[in-house]
Each structure stands twice: as structure tokens, then as C-alpha cells.
């Protein structure tokens, strides 16, 4: 049975290319329609947290001074998610920090770590949503309140619950086409690339290939 790791980063800025670093990471394992594991840690990279980011996330420079070193957290996270495909909301953002932090830690990328994106999927599955922010989708589907937004574990849990909602909705909406096929990560990869009006056709195409290259985007 497939295990998917749903991840979320909090960071000092928008892009590692602009010098931003991760300040917190969470991963939630989903298997068989439920959450089966979770990991969360602050991470000290020595980077400075700007005041507006501290206000947004609640993560202060003082908190990070006593946090474990970033490279230790990355190695723990890689062990926790080993062999699991990944999901994030707005995965292009998290994928960039994932690759950058893995490289900074001198770690070996896991070829299983291809990303699917609940933001892209939501645009195809829920065009009626006023927007496709995580909080908006959580309210649309009446998902449980997991605590403060812009903290990694709360956002990862909400994304995991959204993923489970999506898998259930796809299984119901496309039951004849699926004919019992699991709504797994490769299928999600196909759906997130498909035009909104041709989702049913994506169900019959070859499975999303797991790249042997580091951290490929899987269509994001």
C-alpha cells in the first residue's frame, strides 16, 4: 500500500535563489486513507528571520538559536520520508526549498521524492472555489482546524486532509473510468497536468514515471 509524505516548509523568504533558508519543516505520512505518521522540527541554518516573516509565522530568531542544526533535520527528514512520493500545496515553492536544503546538508536525494501539488489539483477539481489558497480550500471542505496557519505541521496536516478529500472525490467522480484503480500518486501527477475539461482522459494514460534524477517536479 502506497505511503505519501505531505510536506510543508516555513522559510525566511520566497526563494533559496535569493538566499532564503528554511526555518521549519513538517512531514505527514498518509496511507490507506488516513494519517499514519508525522514529523516536525524547527531548523537552525544561521539565517536571519525578517520581522514580517516572524510576524507571519511566529518563528523568531531566538527560537531558531536553540533549534537543531538544519543539516541534522534534513537527514532525519530524509529518513522519515524514505521511499515516499511527496505532496505539497504550491509544490513549486516547497520543492525549491527541499532541493536546496538537501544540497546544503550534503545529503543524497531520494529518487522517490517526486512532487504532486494540491494547488494544481484543486484548480482542476474545484473550479468553483473562490481561490485555491490552502485556508480557502480547508473552509470549502470543512476540514478540521489544525492550529495556526503558516506553521509547518498545521499546514502539512491541512494539506494531508485536503489530499485525502481529493482522493475520495476523484474515486467517486471517476469511478467508472477507474474501475477500482487506486487514486495514487502517479494518477495525481497525471491529473494535475491535464486540462480541466479532459481529466477523464488523464486516467487512461501511462503512469507518471518516477524520475531517477534528483527531486523532479512530476509535472508541477
Protein backbone atom coordinates (compact mmCIF):
# COMPACT_ATOMS: atom_id res chain seq x y z
CA UNK A 1 0.00 0.00 0.00
CA UNK A 2 1.40 3.39 -1.05
CA UNK A 3 2.60 5.84 1.60
CA UNK A 4 2.67 9.52 0.58
CA UNK A 5 4.59 12.16 2.53
CA UNK A 6 2.85 15.54 2.67
CA UNK A 7 5.32 18.30 3.47
CA UNK A 8 5.37 21.99 4.33
CA UNK A 9 8.23 24.45 4.86
CA UNK A 10 8.35 27.73 6.71
CA UNK A 11 11.18 29.92 5.46
CA UNK A 12 12.94 33.28 5.76
CA UNK A 13 11.81 34.35 2.29
CA UNK A 14 10.36 33.34 -1.03
CA UNK A 15 13.25 31.63 -2.80
CA UNK A 16 16.53 29.87 -2.00
CA UNK A 17 17.90 31.53 -5.13
CA UNK A 18 17.55 34.84 -3.24
CA UNK A 19 19.30 33.49 -0.14
CA UNK A 20 16.23 32.36 1.79
CA UNK A 21 16.53 29.33 4.06
CA UNK A 22 14.07 27.01 5.74
CA UNK A 23 13.17 27.68 9.37
CA UNK A 24 10.73 24.82 9.98
CA UNK A 25 9.72 21.62 8.22
CA UNK A 26 6.90 19.16 8.75
CA UNK A 27 6.03 15.91 7.03
CA UNK A 28 2.80 13.95 7.45
CA UNK A 29 2.59 10.36 6.20
CA UNK A 30 -0.68 9.29 4.57
CA UNK A 31 -1.51 5.66 3.87
CA UNK A 32 -4.77 3.83 3.31
CA UNK A 33 -6.89 6.95 3.64
CA UNK A 34 -5.51 8.16 6.97
CA UNK A 35 -2.60 9.94 8.59
CA UNK A 36 -0.17 7.36 9.94
CA UNK A 37 2.84 9.45 10.97
CA UNK A 38 4.12 12.96 11.45
CA UNK A 39 7.44 14.78 11.81
CA UNK A 40 8.08 18.42 12.69
CA UNK A 41 11.14 20.44 13.61
CA UNK A 42 12.49 23.95 13.63
CA UNK A 43 15.87 24.13 11.89
CA UNK A 44 18.78 26.46 12.55
CA UNK A 45 20.67 27.37 9.39
CA UNK A 46 22.13 30.56 10.82
CA UNK A 47 19.82 32.61 8.59
CA UNK A 48 18.12 35.74 9.93
CA UNK A 49 14.32 35.90 10.12
CA UNK A 50 12.96 39.27 8.94
CA UNK A 51 10.39 40.93 11.23
CA UNK A 52 7.49 40.50 8.79
CA UNK A 53 8.23 36.78 8.47
CA UNK A 54 8.40 36.47 12.26
CA UNK A 55 5.01 38.16 12.49
CA UNK A 56 3.56 35.87 9.80
CA UNK A 57 4.86 32.57 11.17
CA UNK A 58 5.52 33.26 14.83
CA UNK A 59 9.02 31.82 14.38
CA UNK A 60 11.62 34.13 15.90
CA UNK A 61 15.39 34.33 15.66
CA UNK A 62 15.52 33.48 19.37
CA UNK A 63 13.57 30.26 18.72
CA UNK A 64 15.95 29.23 15.94
CA UNK A 65 19.07 29.80 18.03
CA UNK A 66 18.08 26.81 20.18
CA UNK A 67 16.79 24.72 17.25
CA UNK A 68 18.72 21.72 15.90
CA UNK A 69 21.12 22.38 13.01
CA UNK A 70 19.45 22.38 9.60
CA UNK A 71 21.62 19.59 8.24
CA UNK A 72 20.62 17.26 11.09
CA UNK A 73 16.94 17.97 10.49
CA UNK A 74 17.30 17.30 6.77
CA UNK A 75 18.90 13.90 7.37
CA UNK A 76 16.15 12.98 9.84
CA UNK A 77 13.51 14.11 7.37
CA UNK A 78 15.03 12.11 4.53
CA UNK A 79 15.00 9.01 6.72
CA UNK A 80 11.38 9.66 7.76
CA UNK A 81 10.20 10.05 4.13
CA UNK A 82 12.49 7.46 2.51
CA UNK A 83 10.83 5.84 -0.48
CA UNK A 84 7.73 8.03 -0.31
CA UNK A 85 6.46 10.26 -3.12
CA UNK A 86 5.77 13.80 -1.94
CA UNK A 87 2.80 16.17 -1.94
CA UNK A 88 2.70 19.87 -1.06
CA UNK A 89 0.34 22.78 -1.54
CA UNK A 90 2.01 25.06 -4.09
CA UNK A 91 4.66 22.41 -4.53
CA UNK A 92 6.89 24.60 -6.70
CA UNK A 93 7.73 26.60 -3.56
CA UNK A 94 8.38 23.62 -1.29
CA UNK A 95 10.23 21.70 -3.99
CA UNK A 96 12.75 24.52 -4.34
CA UNK A 97 13.50 24.60 -0.63
CA UNK A 98 13.55 20.80 -0.42
CA UNK A 99 16.22 20.60 -3.12
CA UNK A 100 18.21 23.49 -1.67
CA UNK A 101 18.21 22.17 1.90
CA UNK A 102 19.11 18.64 0.77
CA UNK A 103 22.04 20.09 -1.16
CA UNK A 104 23.10 22.31 1.77
CA UNK A 105 23.09 19.25 4.03
CA UNK A 106 25.28 17.30 1.63
CA UNK A 107 22.63 14.58 1.54
CA UNK A 108 21.83 12.16 -1.27
CA UNK A 109 18.47 12.92 -2.91
CA UNK A 110 15.87 10.16 -2.85
CA UNK A 111 14.63 9.35 -6.39
CA UNK A 112 11.19 8.55 -4.94
CA UNK A 113 10.75 12.18 -3.92
CA UNK A 114 8.72 13.41 -6.89
CA UNK A 115 6.15 16.07 -6.07
CA UNK A 116 2.43 16.26 -6.68
CA UNK A 117 0.68 19.56 -5.96
CA UNK A 118 -2.67 20.00 -4.24
CA UNK A 119 -2.83 23.59 -5.54
CA UNK A 120 -2.71 22.43 -9.17
CA UNK A 121 -5.11 19.61 -8.43
CA UNK A 122 -7.57 21.95 -6.72
CA UNK A 123 -7.70 24.19 -9.79
CA UNK A 124 -8.80 21.19 -11.83
CA UNK A 125 -11.09 19.51 -9.31
CA UNK A 126 -12.68 22.54 -7.62
CA UNK A 127 -13.09 25.34 -10.17
CA UNK A 128 -15.98 26.68 -8.08
CA UNK A 129 -13.63 27.66 -5.23
CA UNK A 130 -13.26 31.45 -4.80
CA UNK A 131 -9.49 30.89 -4.82
CA UNK A 132 -7.16 27.97 -4.27
CA UNK A 133 -5.33 29.02 -1.13
CA UNK A 134 -5.00 26.28 1.45
CA UNK A 135 -7.16 28.08 4.01
CA UNK A 136 -9.92 28.72 1.48
CA UNK A 137 -9.99 25.07 0.42
CA UNK A 138 -10.00 23.95 4.06
CA UNK A 139 -13.10 26.05 4.68
CA UNK A 140 -14.72 24.88 1.44
CA UNK A 141 -14.39 21.25 2.52
CA UNK A 142 -14.93 21.92 6.24
CA UNK A 143 -11.60 20.32 7.13
CA UNK A 144 -10.56 20.17 10.80
CA UNK A 145 -8.78 23.15 12.35
CA UNK A 146 -5.17 22.13 12.85
CA UNK A 147 -3.97 25.31 14.52
CA UNK A 148 -2.13 28.40 13.40
CA UNK A 149 -1.63 28.79 9.64
CA UNK A 150 1.94 29.35 8.46
CA UNK A 151 3.30 26.81 10.88
CA UNK A 152 4.66 23.76 9.16
CA UNK A 153 2.83 20.98 10.99
CA UNK A 154 -0.56 22.70 10.92
CA UNK A 155 -0.27 23.40 7.20
CA UNK A 156 1.06 19.91 6.43
CA UNK A 157 -1.85 18.32 8.32
CA UNK A 158 -4.36 20.50 6.49
CA UNK A 159 -2.74 19.65 3.16
CA UNK A 160 -2.85 15.95 4.06
CA UNK A 161 -6.57 16.22 4.86
CA UNK A 162 -7.12 18.06 1.58
CA UNK A 163 -5.25 15.31 -0.24
CA UNK A 164 -7.48 12.65 1.33
CA UNK A 165 -10.55 14.68 0.32
CA UNK A 166 -9.24 14.90 -3.25
CA UNK A 167 -8.54 11.18 -3.44
CA UNK A 168 -12.06 10.42 -2.22
CA UNK A 169 -13.62 12.91 -4.65
CA UNK A 170 -11.66 11.55 -7.61
CA UNK A 171 -12.60 7.98 -6.68
CA UNK A 172 -16.28 8.95 -6.59
CA UNK A 173 -16.35 11.27 -9.60
CA UNK A 174 -14.42 8.94 -11.91
CA UNK A 175 -15.49 5.56 -10.53
CA UNK A 176 -16.43 4.08 -13.95
CA UNK A 177 -13.13 5.09 -15.54
CA UNK A 178 -11.06 3.98 -12.57
CA UNK A 179 -12.70 0.56 -12.34
CA UNK A 180 -11.20 0.00 -8.91
CA UNK A 181 -7.82 1.59 -9.66
CA UNK A 182 -6.33 3.36 -6.66
CA UNK A 183 -6.12 7.14 -6.67
CA UNK A 184 -2.39 7.02 -6.11
CA UNK A 185 0.48 9.44 -6.59
CA UNK A 186 1.10 8.63 -10.28
CA UNK A 187 -2.57 9.24 -11.04
CA UNK A 188 -2.47 12.55 -9.17
CA UNK A 189 0.56 13.53 -11.26
CA UNK A 190 -1.41 12.88 -14.43
CA UNK A 191 -4.46 14.78 -13.24
CA UNK A 192 -2.52 17.89 -12.20
CA UNK A 193 -1.10 18.20 -15.74
CA UNK A 194 -4.38 17.58 -17.55
CA UNK A 195 -6.67 20.32 -18.87
CA UNK A 196 -9.67 20.77 -16.61
CA UNK A 197 -12.07 19.57 -19.30
CA UNK A 198 -10.07 16.41 -20.04
CA UNK A 199 -9.49 14.90 -16.61
CA UNK A 200 -11.20 11.65 -17.57
CA UNK A 201 -8.70 11.15 -20.40
CA UNK A 202 -5.78 11.50 -17.98
CA UNK A 203 -6.97 8.44 -16.11
CA UNK A 204 -6.16 6.19 -19.03
CA UNK A 205 -2.65 7.44 -19.84
CA UNK A 206 0.58 5.69 -18.80
CA UNK A 207 1.60 6.07 -15.18
CA UNK A 208 3.69 9.03 -14.13
CA UNK A 209 7.29 7.89 -14.36
CA UNK A 210 9.35 8.05 -11.19
CA UNK A 211 12.43 10.01 -12.15
CA UNK A 212 15.86 8.71 -11.31
CA UNK A 213 17.07 12.30 -11.22
CA UNK A 214 17.02 14.36 -8.05
CA UNK A 215 13.69 15.83 -6.99
CA UNK A 216 11.97 16.03 -10.34
CA UNK A 217 8.76 18.09 -10.33
CA UNK A 218 6.35 15.45 -11.66
CA UNK A 219 4.55 17.97 -13.81
CA UNK A 220 4.37 20.86 -11.31
